[in-house]
Amino acid sequence: MKKDIHPKEYRPVVFVDNSNGTQFLISSTIKTKETVKFTDGKEYPAFHVEISSSSHPFYTNQEKSLDSAGRVEKFKSRQSKADVKKTA
């Protein structure tokens, strides 16, 4: 393994989800200005994120699925109406 290739400021950072307050402790080199107390009682640098896996609809099974069959049927009906107008 090569020496001295990793950043010096690699440390544990708490990422705080702004939408629901969930906290994740992850090692990072991101620059932070504030600190927060984590669940283990220790104080870590904190970085706030707008959305994370705890609040994103894809990961929370809250995602909205579009009715693709209904959309296809609407398209086909519009297309058939346009074809009728062309032949008329």
PDB file of N, CA and C in Angstrom:
ATOM      1  N   MET A   1       0.850  -1.175   0.000  1.00  0.00           N
ATOM      2  CA  MET A   1       0.000   0.000   0.000  1.00  0.00           C
ATOM      3  C   MET A   1       0.897   1.240   0.000  1.00  0.00           C
ATOM      4  N   LYS A   2       0.496   2.249  -0.785  1.00  0.00           N
ATOM      5  CA  LYS A   2       1.289   3.474  -0.860  1.00  0.00           C
ATOM      6  C   LYS A   2       1.094   4.313   0.396  1.00  0.00           C
ATOM      7  N   LYS A   3       2.157   4.976   0.821  1.00  0.00           N
ATOM      8  CA  LYS A   3       2.088   5.819   2.011  1.00  0.00           C
ATOM      9  C   LYS A   3       1.771   7.256   1.607  1.00  0.00           C
ATOM     10  N   ASP A   4       1.165   7.976   2.519  1.00  0.00           N
ATOM     11  CA  ASP A   4       0.877   9.405   2.385  1.00  0.00           C
ATOM     12  C   ASP A   4       0.012   9.766   1.174  1.00  0.00           C
ATOM     13  N   ILE A   5      -0.918   8.898   0.795  1.00  0.00           N
ATOM     14  CA  ILE A   5      -1.825   9.246  -0.295  1.00  0.00           C
ATOM     15  C   ILE A   5      -3.218   9.611   0.211  1.00  0.00           C
ATOM     16  N   HIS A   6      -3.500   9.304   1.467  1.00  0.00           N
ATOM     17  CA  HIS A   6      -4.824   9.599   2.021  1.00  0.00           C
ATOM     18  C   HIS A   6      -4.838  10.986   2.653  1.00  0.00           C
ATOM     19  N   PRO A   7      -5.982  11.667   2.610  1.00  0.00           N
ATOM     20  CA  PRO A   7      -6.076  13.001   3.206  1.00  0.00           C
ATOM     21  C   PRO A   7      -5.836  12.957   4.718  1.00  0.00           C
ATOM     22  N   LYS A   8      -5.249  13.998   5.237  1.00  0.00           N
ATOM     23  CA  LYS A   8      -4.944  14.066   6.670  1.00  0.00           C
ATOM     24  C   LYS A   8      -6.190  14.329   7.511  1.00  0.00           C
ATOM     25  N   GLU A   9      -7.174  15.040   6.951  1.00  0.00           N
ATOM     26  CA  GLU A   9      -8.361  15.430   7.726  1.00  0.00           C
ATOM     27  C   GLU A   9      -9.502  14.412   7.642  1.00  0.00           C
ATOM     28  N   TYR A  10      -9.194  13.152   7.378  1.00  0.00           N
ATOM     29  CA  TYR A  10     -10.192  12.081   7.338  1.00  0.00           C
ATOM     30  C   TYR A  10     -10.594  11.750   8.768  1.00  0.00           C
ATOM     31  N   ARG A  11     -11.870  11.993   9.108  1.00  0.00           N
ATOM     32  CA  ARG A  11     -12.330  11.822  10.486  1.00  0.00           C
ATOM     33  C   ARG A  11     -13.814  11.468  10.497  1.00  0.00           C
ATOM     34  N   PRO A  12     -14.356  11.001  11.627  1.00  0.00           N
ATOM     35  CA  PRO A  12     -15.795  10.721  11.715  1.00  0.00           C
ATOM     36  C   PRO A  12     -16.591  12.025  11.708  1.00  0.00           C
ATOM     37  N   VAL A  13     -17.650  12.052  10.909  1.00  0.00           N
ATOM     38  CA  VAL A  13     -18.524  13.225  10.807  1.00  0.00           C
ATOM     39  C   VAL A  13     -19.964  12.742  10.924  1.00  0.00           C
ATOM     40  N   VAL A  14     -20.795  13.498  11.630  1.00  0.00           N
ATOM     41  CA  VAL A  14     -22.216  13.182  11.745  1.00  0.00           C
ATOM     42  C   VAL A  14     -22.954  13.935  10.647  1.00  0.00           C
ATOM     43  N   PHE A  15     -23.646  13.190   9.784  1.00  0.00           N
ATOM     44  CA  PHE A  15     -24.502  13.781   8.764  1.00  0.00           C
ATOM     45  C   PHE A  15     -25.916  13.801   9.313  1.00  0.00           C
ATOM     46  N   VAL A  16     -26.517  14.991   9.357  1.00  0.00           N
ATOM     47  CA  VAL A  16     -27.842  15.170   9.930  1.00  0.00           C
ATOM     48  C   VAL A  16     -28.829  15.438   8.807  1.00  0.00           C
ATOM     49  N   ASP A  17     -29.889  14.635   8.725  1.00  0.00           N
ATOM     50  CA  ASP A  17     -30.942  14.825   7.728  1.00  0.00           C
ATOM     51  C   ASP A  17     -31.860  15.949   8.196  1.00  0.00           C
ATOM     52  N   ASN A  18     -31.960  17.036   7.428  1.00  0.00           N
ATOM     53  CA  ASN A  18     -32.777  18.180   7.830  1.00  0.00           C
ATOM     54  C   ASN A  18     -34.264  17.880   7.832  1.00  0.00           C
ATOM     55  N   SER A  19     -34.731  16.935   7.025  1.00  0.00           N
ATOM     56  CA  SER A  19     -36.164  16.693   6.933  1.00  0.00           C
ATOM     57  C   SER A  19     -36.726  15.898   8.102  1.00  0.00           C
ATOM     58  N   ASN A  20     -35.929  15.002   8.701  1.00  0.00           N
ATOM     59  CA  ASN A  20     -36.472  14.234   9.824  1.00  0.00           C
ATOM     60  C   ASN A  20     -35.526  14.110  11.018  1.00  0.00           C
ATOM     61  N   GLY A  21     -34.340  14.693  10.936  1.00  0.00           N
ATOM     62  CA  GLY A  21     -33.427  14.712  12.074  1.00  0.00           C
ATOM     63  C   GLY A  21     -32.590  13.475  12.283  1.00  0.00           C
ATOM     64  N   THR A  22     -32.669  12.506  11.390  1.00  0.00           N
ATOM     65  CA  THR A  22     -31.862  11.287  11.513  1.00  0.00           C
ATOM     66  C   THR A  22     -30.386  11.633  11.382  1.00  0.00           C
ATOM     67  N   GLN A  23     -29.561  10.944  12.178  1.00  0.00           N
ATOM     68  CA  GLN A  23     -28.124  11.205  12.171  1.00  0.00           C
ATOM     69  C   GLN A  23     -27.369   9.950  11.752  1.00  0.00           C
ATOM     70  N   PHE A  24     -26.331  10.145  10.905  1.00  0.00           N
ATOM     71  CA  PHE A  24     -25.471   9.065  10.457  1.00  0.00           C
ATOM     72  C   PHE A  24     -24.032   9.434  10.782  1.00  0.00           C
ATOM     73  N   LEU A  25     -23.298   8.533  11.388  1.00  0.00           N
ATOM     74  CA  LEU A  25     -21.879   8.757  11.678  1.00  0.00           C
ATOM     75  C   LEU A  25     -21.064   8.055  10.605  1.00  0.00           C
ATOM     76  N   ILE A  26     -20.369   8.866   9.779  1.00  0.00           N
ATOM     77  CA  ILE A  26     -19.616   8.348   8.645  1.00  0.00           C
ATOM     78  C   ILE A  26     -18.262   9.044   8.613  1.00  0.00           C
ATOM     79  N   SER A  27     -17.226   8.336   8.250  1.00  0.00           N
ATOM     80  CA  SER A  27     -15.917   8.964   8.091  1.00  0.00           C
ATOM     81  C   SER A  27     -15.910   9.785   6.813  1.00  0.00           C
ATOM     82  N   SER A  28     -15.369  11.001   6.893  1.00  0.00           N
ATOM     83  CA  SER A  28     -15.392  11.912   5.759  1.00  0.00           C
ATOM     84  C   SER A  28     -14.296  12.968   5.893  1.00  0.00           C
ATOM     85  N   THR A  29     -14.037  13.655   4.787  1.00  0.00           N
ATOM     86  CA  THR A  29     -13.094  14.778   4.786  1.00  0.00           C
ATOM     87  C   THR A  29     -13.820  16.101   4.592  1.00  0.00           C
ATOM     88  N   ILE A  30     -15.137  16.103   4.629  1.00  0.00           N
ATOM     89  CA  ILE A  30     -15.922  17.308   4.386  1.00  0.00           C
ATOM     90  C   ILE A  30     -15.645  18.352   5.463  1.00  0.00           C
ATOM     91  N   LYS A  31     -15.600  19.606   5.047  1.00  0.00           N
ATOM     92  CA  LYS A  31     -15.351  20.694   6.000  1.00  0.00           C
ATOM     93  C   LYS A  31     -16.659  21.056   6.704  1.00  0.00           C
ATOM     94  N   THR A  32     -16.591  21.220   8.020  1.00  0.00           N
ATOM     95  CA  THR A  32     -17.776  21.535   8.818  1.00  0.00           C
ATOM     96  C   THR A  32     -17.492  22.729   9.718  1.00  0.00           C
ATOM     97  N   LYS A  33     -18.568  23.396  10.149  1.00  0.00           N
ATOM     98  CA  LYS A  33     -18.429  24.562  11.025  1.00  0.00           C
ATOM     99  C   LYS A  33     -19.046  24.341  12.393  1.00  0.00           C
ATOM    100  N   GLU A  34     -19.833  23.292  12.548  1.00  0.00           N
ATOM    101  CA  GLU A  34     -20.487  23.069  13.834  1.00  0.00           C
ATOM    102  C   GLU A  34     -20.283  21.636  14.288  1.00  0.00           C
ATOM    103  N   THR A  35     -20.611  21.392  15.552  1.00  0.00           N
ATOM    104  CA  THR A  35     -20.502  20.053  16.122  1.00  0.00           C
ATOM    105  C   THR A  35     -21.842  19.658  16.710  1.00  0.00           C
ATOM    106  N   VAL A  36     -22.011  18.365  16.892  1.00  0.00           N
ATOM    107  CA  VAL A  36     -23.254  17.847  17.463  1.00  0.00           C
ATOM    108  C   VAL A  36     -22.905  16.625  18.306  1.00  0.00           C
ATOM    109  N   LYS A  37     -23.701  16.385  19.328  1.00  0.00           N
ATOM    110  CA  LYS A  37     -23.514  15.216  20.184  1.00  0.00           C
ATOM    111  C   LYS A  37     -24.239  14.034  19.545  1.00  0.00           C
ATOM    112  N   PHE A  38     -23.517  12.951  19.315  1.00  0.00           N
ATOM    113  CA  PHE A  38     -24.092  11.760  18.698  1.00  0.00           C
ATOM    114  C   PHE A  38     -24.671  10.854  19.774  1.00  0.00           C
ATOM    115  N   THR A  39     -25.333   9.777  19.379  1.00  0.00           N
ATOM    116  CA  THR A  39     -26.000   8.885  20.336  1.00  0.00           C
ATOM    117  C   THR A  39     -25.029   8.181  21.280  1.00  0.00           C
ATOM    118  N   ASP A  40     -23.748   8.101  20.915  1.00  0.00           N
ATOM    119  CA  ASP A  40     -22.780   7.461  21.805  1.00  0.00           C
ATOM    120  C   ASP A  40     -22.263   8.414  22.882  1.00  0.00           C
ATOM    121  N   GLY A  41     -22.756   9.665  22.883  1.00  0.00           N
ATOM    122  CA  GLY A  41     -22.381  10.636  23.890  1.00  0.00           C
ATOM    123  C   GLY A  41     -21.185  11.495  23.521  1.00  0.00           C
ATOM    124  N   LYS A  42     -20.494  11.149  22.455  1.00  0.00           N
ATOM    125  CA  LYS A  42     -19.338  11.927  22.028  1.00  0.00           C
ATOM    126  C   LYS A  42     -19.779  13.052  21.091  1.00  0.00           C
ATOM    127  N   GLU A  43     -18.945  14.099  21.014  1.00  0.00           N
ATOM    128  CA  GLU A  43     -19.234  15.225  20.142  1.00  0.00           C
ATOM    129  C   GLU A  43     -18.411  15.100  18.862  1.00  0.00           C
ATOM    130  N   TYR A  44     -19.105  15.241  17.710  1.00  0.00           N
ATOM    131  CA  TYR A  44     -18.480  15.105  16.402  1.00  0.00           C
ATOM    132  C   TYR A  44     -18.800  16.325  15.551  1.00  0.00           C
ATOM    133  N   PRO A  45     -17.998  16.584  14.514  1.00  0.00           N
ATOM    134  CA  PRO A  45     -18.354  17.626  13.547  1.00  0.00           C
ATOM    135  C   PRO A  45     -19.656  17.220  12.847  1.00  0.00           C
ATOM    136  N   ALA A  46     -20.491  18.199  12.525  1.00  0.00           N
ATOM    137  CA  ALA A  46     -21.793  17.907  11.916  1.00  0.00           C
ATOM    138  C   ALA A  46     -21.915  18.564  10.559  1.00  0.00           C
ATOM    139  N   PHE A  47     -22.587  17.861   9.647  1.00  0.00           N
ATOM    140  CA  PHE A  47     -22.892  18.397   8.323  1.00  0.00           C
ATOM    141  C   PHE A  47     -24.359  18.093   8.038  1.00  0.00           C
ATOM    142  N   HIS A  48     -25.118  19.107   7.636  1.00  0.00           N
ATOM    143  CA  HIS A  48     -26.555  18.950   7.385  1.00  0.00           C
ATOM    144  C   HIS A  48     -26.818  18.673   5.915  1.00  0.00           C
ATOM    145  N   VAL A  49     -27.661  17.677   5.649  1.00  0.00           N
ATOM    146  CA  VAL A  49     -28.061  17.320   4.287  1.00  0.00           C
ATOM    147  C   VAL A  49     -29.573  17.482   4.163  1.00  0.00           C
ATOM    148  N   GLU A  50     -30.038  17.790   2.959  1.00  0.00           N
ATOM    149  CA  GLU A  50     -31.471  18.006   2.734  1.00  0.00           C
ATOM    150  C   GLU A  50     -32.261  16.702   2.735  1.00  0.00           C
ATOM    151  N   ILE A  51     -31.675  15.660   2.182  1.00  0.00           N
ATOM    152  CA  ILE A  51     -32.388  14.386   2.082  1.00  0.00           C
ATOM    153  C   ILE A  51     -31.383  13.248   2.215  1.00  0.00           C
ATOM    154  N   SER A  52     -31.818  12.158   2.807  1.00  0.00           N
ATOM    155  CA  SER A  52     -30.953  10.988   2.978  1.00  0.00           C
ATOM    156  C   SER A  52     -31.788   9.733   2.753  1.00  0.00           C
ATOM    157  N   SER A  53     -31.183   8.593   2.962  1.00  0.00           N
ATOM    158  CA  SER A  53     -31.913   7.341   2.774  1.00  0.00           C
ATOM    159  C   SER A  53     -33.058   7.184   3.774  1.00  0.00           C
ATOM    160  N   SER A  54     -33.015   7.892   4.889  1.00  0.00           N
ATOM    161  CA  SER A  54     -34.097   7.770   5.875  1.00  0.00           C
ATOM    162  C   SER A  54     -35.311   8.615   5.513  1.00  0.00           C
ATOM    163  N   SER A  55     -35.167   9.544   4.557  1.00  0.00           N
ATOM    164  CA  SER A  55     -36.314  10.373   4.192  1.00  0.00           C
ATOM    165  C   SER A  55     -36.627  10.342   2.699  1.00  0.00           C
ATOM    166  N   HIS A  56     -35.792   9.728   1.880  1.00  0.00           N
ATOM    167  CA  HIS A  56     -36.034   9.685   0.441  1.00  0.00           C
ATOM    168  C   HIS A  56     -37.156   8.694   0.131  1.00  0.00           C
ATOM    169  N   PRO A  57     -38.124   9.076  -0.702  1.00  0.00           N
ATOM    170  CA  PRO A  57     -39.271   8.206  -0.984  1.00  0.00           C
ATOM    171  C   PRO A  57     -38.896   6.840  -1.545  1.00  0.00           C
ATOM    172  N   PHE A  58     -37.832   6.738  -2.298  1.00  0.00           N
ATOM    173  CA  PHE A  58     -37.437   5.442  -2.853  1.00  0.00           C
ATOM    174  C   PHE A  58     -37.073   4.462  -1.744  1.00  0.00           C
ATOM    175  N   TYR A  59     -36.347   4.901  -0.730  1.00  0.00           N
ATOM    176  CA  TYR A  59     -35.894   4.026   0.347  1.00  0.00           C
ATOM    177  C   TYR A  59     -36.945   3.802   1.424  1.00  0.00           C
ATOM    178  N   THR A  60     -37.923   4.686   1.516  1.00  0.00           N
ATOM    179  CA  THR A  60     -38.951   4.549   2.546  1.00  0.00           C
ATOM    180  C   THR A  60     -40.226   3.910   2.022  1.00  0.00           C
ATOM    181  N   ASN A  61     -40.206   3.433   0.778  1.00  0.00           N
ATOM    182  CA  ASN A  61     -41.374   2.820   0.129  1.00  0.00           C
ATOM    183  C   ASN A  61     -42.564   3.761   0.070  1.00  0.00           C
ATOM    184  N   GLN A  62     -42.315   5.040  -0.055  1.00  0.00           N
ATOM    185  CA  GLN A  62     -43.371   6.035  -0.172  1.00  0.00           C
ATOM    186  C   GLN A  62     -43.448   6.586  -1.598  1.00  0.00           C
ATOM    187  N   GLU A  63     -42.674   5.996  -2.512  1.00  0.00           N
ATOM    188  CA  GLU A  63     -42.617   6.546  -3.859  1.00  0.00           C
ATOM    189  C   GLU A  63     -43.952   6.380  -4.574  1.00  0.00           C
ATOM    190  N   LYS A  64     -44.235   7.321  -5.456  1.00  0.00           N
ATOM    191  CA  LYS A  64     -45.472   7.295  -6.229  1.00  0.00           C
ATOM    192  C   LYS A  64     -45.169   6.697  -7.585  1.00  0.00           C
ATOM    193  N   SER A  65     -45.915   5.665  -7.945  1.00  0.00           N
ATOM    194  CA  SER A  65     -45.711   5.065  -9.255  1.00  0.00           C
ATOM    195  C   SER A  65     -46.756   5.625 -10.211  1.00  0.00           C
ATOM    196  N   LEU A  66     -46.303   5.935 -11.388  1.00  0.00           N
ATOM    197  CA  LEU A  66     -47.207   6.472 -12.392  1.00  0.00           C
ATOM    198  C   LEU A  66     -47.969   5.334 -13.051  1.00  0.00           C
ATOM    199  N   ASP A  67     -49.175   5.618 -13.440  1.00  0.00           N
ATOM    200  CA  ASP A  67     -49.993   4.629 -14.121  1.00  0.00           C
ATOM    201  C   ASP A  67     -49.576   4.605 -15.580  1.00  0.00           C
ATOM    202  N   SER A  68     -48.570   3.803 -15.897  1.00  0.00           N
ATOM    203  CA  SER A  68     -48.030   3.804 -17.258  1.00  0.00           C
ATOM    204  C   SER A  68     -49.026   3.216 -18.254  1.00  0.00           C
ATOM    205  N   ALA A  69     -49.828   2.240 -17.832  1.00  0.00           N
ATOM    206  CA  ALA A  69     -50.810   1.667 -18.747  1.00  0.00           C
ATOM    207  C   ALA A  69     -51.851   2.718 -19.114  1.00  0.00           C
ATOM    208  N   GLY A  70     -52.284   3.496 -18.159  1.00  0.00           N
ATOM    209  CA  GLY A  70     -53.253   4.554 -18.438  1.00  0.00           C
ATOM    210  C   GLY A  70     -52.682   5.613 -19.352  1.00  0.00           C
ATOM    211  N   ARG A  71     -51.414   5.915 -19.195  1.00  0.00           N
ATOM    212  CA  ARG A  71     -50.763   6.917 -20.032  1.00  0.00           C
ATOM    213  C   ARG A  71     -50.640   6.402 -21.468  1.00  0.00           C
ATOM    214  N   VAL A  72     -50.337   5.126 -21.608  1.00  0.00           N
ATOM    215  CA  VAL A  72     -50.222   4.541 -22.938  1.00  0.00           C
ATOM    216  C   VAL A  72     -51.575   4.562 -23.637  1.00  0.00           C
ATOM    217  N   GLU A  73     -52.615   4.223 -22.917  1.00  0.00           N
ATOM    218  CA  GLU A  73     -53.958   4.221 -23.497  1.00  0.00           C
ATOM    219  C   GLU A  73     -54.368   5.627 -23.935  1.00  0.00           C
ATOM    220  N   LYS A  74     -54.054   6.628 -23.147  1.00  0.00           N
ATOM    221  CA  LYS A  74     -54.364   8.012 -23.519  1.00  0.00           C
ATOM    222  C   LYS A  74     -53.631   8.404 -24.787  1.00  0.00           C
ATOM    223  N   PHE A  75     -52.348   8.001 -24.884  1.00  0.00           N
ATOM    224  CA  PHE A  75     -51.566   8.313 -26.068  1.00  0.00           C
ATOM    225  C   PHE A  75     -52.167   7.647 -27.305  1.00  0.00           C
ATOM    226  N   LYS A  76     -52.528   6.379 -27.173  1.00  0.00           N
ATOM    227  CA  LYS A  76     -53.101   5.656 -28.318  1.00  0.00           C
ATOM    228  C   LYS A  76     -54.426   6.273 -28.757  1.00  0.00           C
ATOM    229  N   SER A  77     -55.242   6.714 -27.807  1.00  0.00           N
ATOM    230  CA  SER A  77     -56.520   7.331 -28.183  1.00  0.00           C
ATOM    231  C   SER A  77     -56.284   8.666 -28.890  1.00  0.00           C
ATOM    232  N   ARG A  78     -55.332   9.453 -28.441  1.00  0.00           N
ATOM    233  CA  ARG A  78     -55.017  10.712 -29.122  1.00  0.00           C
ATOM    234  C   ARG A  78     -54.458  10.445 -30.509  1.00  0.00           C
ATOM    235  N   GLN A  79     -53.625   9.415 -30.618  1.00  0.00           N
ATOM    236  CA  GLN A  79     -53.031   9.076 -31.911  1.00  0.00           C
ATOM    237  C   GLN A  79     -54.099   8.618 -32.888  1.00  0.00           C
ATOM    238  N   SER A  80     -55.045   7.824 -32.414  1.00  0.00           N
ATOM    239  CA  SER A  80     -56.114   7.336 -33.320  1.00  0.00           C
ATOM    240  C   SER A  80     -56.999   8.501 -33.765  1.00  0.00           C
ATOM    241  N   LYS A  81     -57.251   9.478 -32.870  1.00  0.00           N
ATOM    242  CA  LYS A  81     -58.027  10.658 -33.245  1.00  0.00           C
ATOM    243  C   LYS A  81     -57.284  11.477 -34.287  1.00  0.00           C
ATOM    244  N   ALA A  82     -55.970  11.592 -34.148  1.00  0.00           N
ATOM    245  CA  ALA A  82     -55.169  12.336 -35.124  1.00  0.00           C
ATOM    246  C   ALA A  82     -55.154  11.620 -36.461  1.00  0.00           C
ATOM    247  N   ASP A  83     -55.103  10.285 -36.448  1.00  0.00           N
ATOM    248  CA  ASP A  83     -55.131   9.512 -37.697  1.00  0.00           C
ATOM    249  C   ASP A  83     -56.469   9.671 -38.406  1.00  0.00           C
ATOM    250  N   VAL A  84     -57.543   9.721 -37.644  1.00  0.00           N
ATOM    251  CA  VAL A  84     -58.890   9.902 -38.237  1.00  0.00           C
ATOM    252  C   VAL A  84     -58.972  11.265 -38.898  1.00  0.00           C
ATOM    253  N   LYS A  85     -58.425  12.301 -38.268  1.00  0.00           N
ATOM    254  CA  LYS A  85     -58.454  13.646 -38.837  1.00  0.00           C
ATOM    255  C   LYS A  85     -57.626  13.723 -40.124  1.00  0.00           C
ATOM    256  N   LYS A  86     -56.506  12.975 -40.187  1.00  0.00           N
ATOM    257  CA  LYS A  86     -55.653  12.982 -41.371  1.00  0.00           C
ATOM    258  C   LYS A  86     -56.381  12.361 -42.565  1.00  0.00           C
ATOM    259  N   THR A  87     -57.106  11.283 -42.331  1.00  0.00           N
ATOM    260  CA  THR A  87     -57.779  10.592 -43.419  1.00  0.00           C
ATOM    261  C   THR A  87     -59.053  11.307 -43.843  1.00  0.00           C
ATOM    262  N   ALA A  88     -59.598  12.133 -42.990  1.00  0.00           N
ATOM    263  CA  ALA A  88     -60.853  12.812 -43.311  1.00  0.00           C
ATOM    264  C   ALA A  88     -60.655  14.035 -44.173  1.00  0.00           C
TER     265      ALA A  88
END
